[in-house]
C-alpha atoms as a PDB file:
ATOM      1  CA  MET A   1       0.000   0.000   0.000  1.00  0.00           C
ATOM      2  CA  GLY A   2       3.048   2.245   0.314  1.00  0.00           C
ATOM      3  CA  ASN A   3       1.800   5.837   0.389  1.00  0.00           C
ATOM      4  CA  PHE A   4      -1.783   4.984   1.343  1.00  0.00           C
ATOM      5  CA  LYS A   5      -3.431   3.985   4.618  1.00  0.00           C
ATOM      6  CA  TYR A   6      -6.623   2.850   2.883  1.00  0.00           C
ATOM      7  CA  ILE A   7      -7.425   1.717  -0.670  1.00  0.00           C
ATOM      8  CA  THR A   8     -10.576   0.069  -1.995  1.00  0.00           C
ATOM      9  CA  ASN A   9     -12.293  -0.468  -5.320  1.00  0.00           C
ATOM     10  CA  ARG A  10     -15.715  -2.105  -5.059  1.00  0.00           C
ATOM     11  CA  THR A  11     -18.806  -2.870  -7.076  1.00  0.00           C
ATOM     12  CA  LEU A  12     -22.024  -1.332  -5.727  1.00  0.00           C
ATOM     13  CA  LEU A  13     -25.541  -2.745  -5.687  1.00  0.00           C
ATOM     14  CA  ASN A  14     -28.674  -0.746  -6.398  1.00  0.00           C
ATOM     15  CA  VAL A  15     -31.841  -1.088  -4.290  1.00  0.00           C
ATOM     16  CA  VAL A  16     -32.992  -4.190  -6.193  1.00  0.00           C
ATOM     17  CA  GLY A  17     -29.644  -5.935  -5.665  1.00  0.00           C
ATOM     18  CA  GLU A  18     -28.147  -5.547  -9.155  1.00  0.00           C
ATOM     19  CA  GLU A  19     -24.473  -4.652  -9.610  1.00  0.00           C
ATOM     20  CA  SER A  20     -24.736  -1.314 -11.363  1.00  0.00           C
ATOM     21  CA  GLY A  21     -22.210   1.055  -9.778  1.00  0.00           C
ATOM     22  CA  ASN A  22     -18.721   1.220  -8.338  1.00  0.00           C
ATOM     23  CA  ILE A  23     -16.609   3.185  -5.894  1.00  0.00           C
ATOM     24  CA  ALA A  24     -12.876   3.692  -5.477  1.00  0.00           C
ATOM     25  CA  VAL A  25     -11.454   5.311  -2.331  1.00  0.00           C
ATOM     26  CA  LEU A  26      -7.838   6.312  -1.657  1.00  0.00           C
ATOM     27  CA  VAL A  27      -6.602   7.805   1.619  1.00  0.00           C
ATOM     28  CA  ARG A  28      -2.979   8.957   1.680  1.00  0.00           C
ATOM     29  CA  ASN A  29      -0.824   8.351   4.776  1.00  0.00           C
ATOM     30  CA  ASP A  30      -0.317  12.072   5.319  1.00  0.00           C
ATOM     31  CA  SER A  31      -3.998  13.022   4.957  1.00  0.00           C
ATOM     32  CA  ASP A  32      -7.346  12.647   6.682  1.00  0.00           C
ATOM     33  CA  GLU A  33      -9.153  13.271   3.386  1.00  0.00           C
ATOM     34  CA  ALA A  34     -10.360  10.515   1.063  1.00  0.00           C
ATOM     35  CA  ASP A  35     -10.149  10.815  -2.718  1.00  0.00           C
ATOM     36  CA  VAL A  36     -13.407   9.269  -3.925  1.00  0.00           C
ATOM     37  CA  ARG A  37     -14.470   8.281  -7.429  1.00  0.00           C
ATOM     38  CA  TYR A  38     -17.899   6.686  -7.819  1.00  0.00           C
ATOM     39  CA  ARG A  39     -20.637   5.774 -10.277  1.00  0.00           C
ATOM     40  CA  CYS A  40     -24.004   5.841  -8.530  1.00  0.00           C
ATOM     41  CA  PRO A  41     -25.769   2.459  -8.682  1.00  0.00           C
ATOM     42  CA  GLU A  42     -29.174   4.160  -8.812  1.00  0.00           C
ATOM     43  CA  CYS A  43     -28.828   6.914 -11.434  1.00  0.00           C
ATOM     44  CA  GLY A  44     -25.470   6.158 -13.095  1.00  0.00           C
ATOM     45  CA  PHE A  45     -24.026   9.593 -12.288  1.00  0.00           C
ATOM     46  CA  SER A  46     -20.206   9.603 -12.051  1.00  0.00           C
ATOM     47  CA  GLU A  47     -18.205  11.980  -9.896  1.00  0.00           C
ATOM     48  CA  GLN A  48     -14.788  12.445  -8.362  1.00  0.00           C
ATOM     49  CA  THR A  49     -14.625  14.243  -5.023  1.00  0.00           C
ATOM     50  CA  ARG A  50     -12.755  14.599  -1.725  1.00  0.00           C
ATOM     51  CA  LYS A  51     -14.322  13.944   1.647  1.00  0.00           C
ATOM     52  CA  PRO A  52     -13.101  13.680   5.256  1.00  0.00           C
ATOM     53  CA  TRP A  53     -12.051  10.092   6.047  1.00  0.00           C
ATOM     54  CA  LYS A  54     -13.895   8.447   8.913  1.00  0.00           C
ATOM     55  CA  ARG A  55     -15.487   5.082   9.578  1.00  0.00           C
ATOM     56  CA  PRO A  56     -18.156   4.144   8.749  1.00  0.00           C
ATOM     57  CA  PHE A  57     -17.562   5.820   5.384  1.00  0.00           C
ATOM     58  CA  SER A  58     -20.368   6.987   3.132  1.00  0.00           C
ATOM     59  CA  VAL A  59     -20.895   9.429   0.289  1.00  0.00           C
ATOM     60  CA  LYS A  60     -24.132  10.849  -1.082  1.00  0.00           C
ATOM     61  CA  CYS A  61     -24.723  11.015  -4.847  1.00  0.00           C
ATOM     62  CA  SER A  62     -24.695  14.660  -5.931  1.00  0.00           C
ATOM     63  CA  LYS A  63     -27.390  14.040  -8.533  1.00  0.00           C
ATOM     64  CA  CYS A  64     -30.043  11.792  -6.947  1.00  0.00           C
ATOM     65  CA  GLY A  65     -29.067  11.838  -3.253  1.00  0.00           C
ATOM     66  CA  PHE A  66     -28.587   8.040  -2.969  1.00  0.00           C
ATOM     67  CA  LEU A  67     -26.441   7.272   0.082  1.00  0.00           C
ATOM     68  CA  ILE A  68     -23.532   5.008  -0.828  1.00  0.00           C
ATOM     69  CA  ARG A  69     -22.302   3.218   2.290  1.00  0.00           C
ATOM     70  CA  LEU A  70     -18.941   1.505   2.378  1.00  0.00           C
ATOM     71  CA  PRO A  71     -18.991  -1.144   5.119  1.00  0.00           C
ATOM     72  CA  ARG A  72     -15.823  -2.774   6.366  1.00  0.00           C
ATOM     73  CA  LEU A  73     -14.903  -5.504   3.909  1.00  0.00           C
ATOM     74  CA  LYS A  74     -14.991  -8.124   6.679  1.00  0.00           C
ATOM     75  CA  ASP A  75     -18.592  -7.171   7.524  1.00  0.00           C
ATOM     76  CA  GLU A  76     -19.580  -7.171   3.854  1.00  0.00           C
ATOM     77  CA  VAL A  77     -18.210 -10.718   3.366  1.00  0.00           C
ATOM     78  CA  LYS A  78     -20.114 -11.958   6.440  1.00  0.00           C
ATOM     79  CA  ARG A  79     -23.357 -10.452   5.110  1.00  0.00           C
ATOM     80  CA  GLU A  80     -22.861 -12.068   1.691  1.00  0.00           C
ATOM     81  CA  LYS A  81     -22.251 -15.484   3.295  1.00  0.00           C
ATOM     82  CA  ARG A  82     -25.477 -15.165   5.331  1.00  0.00           C
ATOM     83  CA  MET A  83     -27.439 -14.219   2.202  1.00  0.00           C
ATOM     84  CA  ALA A  84     -25.986 -17.167   0.251  1.00  0.00           C
ATOM     85  CA  LYS A  85     -27.153 -19.616   2.951  1.00  0.00           C
ATOM     86  CA  ALA A  86     -30.716 -18.284   2.939  1.00  0.00           C
END
């Protein structure tokens, strides 16, 4: 990870559960700001922005207002395993 304390690139689901968006977040070691690039899973709007880094992390779509939450990867994997068993 070198110069970064946090890096992620994930696919996002819309409200009906389809993969239709994505988000990439980079947080440099010397910063408390996150560089965020996303494509909203609801409206398809793409944007690049900066936002204060804190957990839990979320960003709101500037066009439609959809709240994109970024759970810890460990929690996301647990949720997917539970859904697969059901």
